[in-house]
Amino acid sequence: MQCQSCGMLIMKGEEFGTFPGGVKNLDYCYYCFNKGAFTQPDITLEQMAEKLAGPMKLNKNMSDEEAKQGAMGLISGLKRWKTKN
């Protein structure tokens, strides 16, 4: 499964975000969603892409612009961001 906010692959049960009471939210990872709320509720699509661009740049040997465009392409179609565009 893929986090519908940051695009992270969710590989283990404990990586899922949670609703109040600890029930798993199958749409989001624990970095993005915890205890029934987004951990960064005011982050924009552009800010999320910028946040993800750093690791992409290092891991895939990309320029800043390539990494930001790659991150934007990865997350712009995810559930959290579809309603924001």
Protein backbone atom coordinates (compact mmCIF):
# COMPACT_ATOMS: atom_id res chain seq x y z
CA MET A 1 0.00 0.00 0.00
CA GLN A 2 1.06 3.56 -0.57
CA CYS A 3 0.47 6.53 1.75
CA GLN A 4 -2.05 8.80 0.08
CA SER A 5 -0.25 11.88 1.36
CA CYS A 6 3.52 11.36 0.92
CA GLY A 7 3.64 8.30 -1.33
CA MET A 8 5.63 6.16 1.12
CA LEU A 9 5.20 2.44 0.65
CA ILE A 10 3.57 1.04 3.77
CA MET A 11 5.10 -2.36 4.34
CA LYS A 12 4.21 -3.16 7.97
CA GLY A 13 1.06 -2.78 10.04
CA GLU A 14 2.72 -0.41 12.47
CA GLU A 15 3.54 2.00 9.62
CA PHE A 16 -0.14 2.86 9.08
CA GLY A 17 -1.55 6.05 10.52
CA THR A 18 -4.20 5.75 13.20
CA PHE A 19 -7.61 7.05 14.12
CA PRO A 20 -8.38 7.89 17.75
CA GLY A 21 -8.30 4.69 19.79
CA GLY A 22 -5.53 3.21 17.67
CA VAL A 23 -7.62 1.90 14.76
CA LYS A 24 -5.46 1.83 11.62
CA ASN A 25 -6.09 4.28 8.80
CA LEU A 26 -5.30 2.31 5.66
CA ASP A 27 -4.88 5.44 3.53
CA TYR A 28 -2.01 7.15 5.34
CA CYS A 29 1.33 6.38 7.01
CA TYR A 30 2.08 7.26 10.62
CA TYR A 31 4.35 10.12 9.53
CA CYS A 32 1.42 11.87 7.86
CA PHE A 33 -1.61 10.85 9.95
CA ASN A 34 -1.79 10.07 13.67
CA LYS A 35 -4.64 9.86 16.21
CA GLY A 36 -7.23 10.97 13.66
CA ALA A 37 -5.47 14.01 12.23
CA PHE A 38 -2.77 14.94 9.76
CA THR A 39 0.53 15.54 11.50
CA GLN A 40 1.08 18.61 9.30
CA PRO A 41 -2.46 19.77 8.57
CA ASP A 42 -1.45 23.03 6.89
CA ILE A 43 1.26 21.68 4.58
CA THR A 44 0.60 22.42 0.93
CA LEU A 45 1.15 20.14 -2.04
CA GLU A 46 4.15 22.25 -3.04
CA GLN A 47 5.64 22.08 0.46
CA MET A 48 5.18 18.30 0.59
CA ALA A 49 6.89 17.97 -2.81
CA GLU A 50 9.76 20.11 -1.54
CA LYS A 51 10.04 17.95 1.59
CA LEU A 52 10.20 14.76 -0.48
CA ALA A 53 12.59 16.22 -3.07
CA GLY A 54 15.60 16.13 -0.72
CA PRO A 55 15.64 12.36 -0.22
CA MET A 56 14.79 11.79 -3.90
CA LYS A 57 17.73 13.96 -4.93
CA LEU A 58 20.16 11.98 -2.78
CA ASN A 59 18.78 8.51 -3.53
CA LYS A 60 18.37 8.94 -7.28
CA ASN A 61 21.21 11.37 -8.05
CA MET A 62 18.87 14.06 -9.40
CA SER A 63 19.15 17.82 -9.66
CA ASP A 64 16.99 19.95 -7.34
CA GLU A 65 14.51 20.66 -10.11
CA GLU A 66 14.33 17.04 -11.28
CA ALA A 67 13.72 15.88 -7.72
CA LYS A 68 10.99 18.46 -7.10
CA GLN A 69 9.27 17.60 -10.39
CA GLY A 70 9.55 13.88 -9.59
CA ALA A 71 8.08 14.39 -6.13
CA MET A 72 5.26 16.51 -7.53
CA GLY A 73 4.49 13.83 -10.11
CA LEU A 74 4.49 11.16 -7.42
CA ILE A 75 2.13 12.85 -4.99
CA SER A 76 -0.12 15.13 -7.04
CA GLY A 77 -2.47 12.24 -7.87
CA LEU A 78 -2.74 10.95 -4.30
CA LYS A 79 -5.99 11.13 -2.35
CA ARG A 80 -4.95 13.96 -0.01
CA TRP A 81 -3.95 16.26 -2.85
CA LYS A 82 -6.61 15.49 -5.46
CA THR A 83 -9.20 17.57 -3.60
CA LYS A 84 -6.75 20.45 -3.05
CA ASN A 85 -6.08 21.12 -6.75
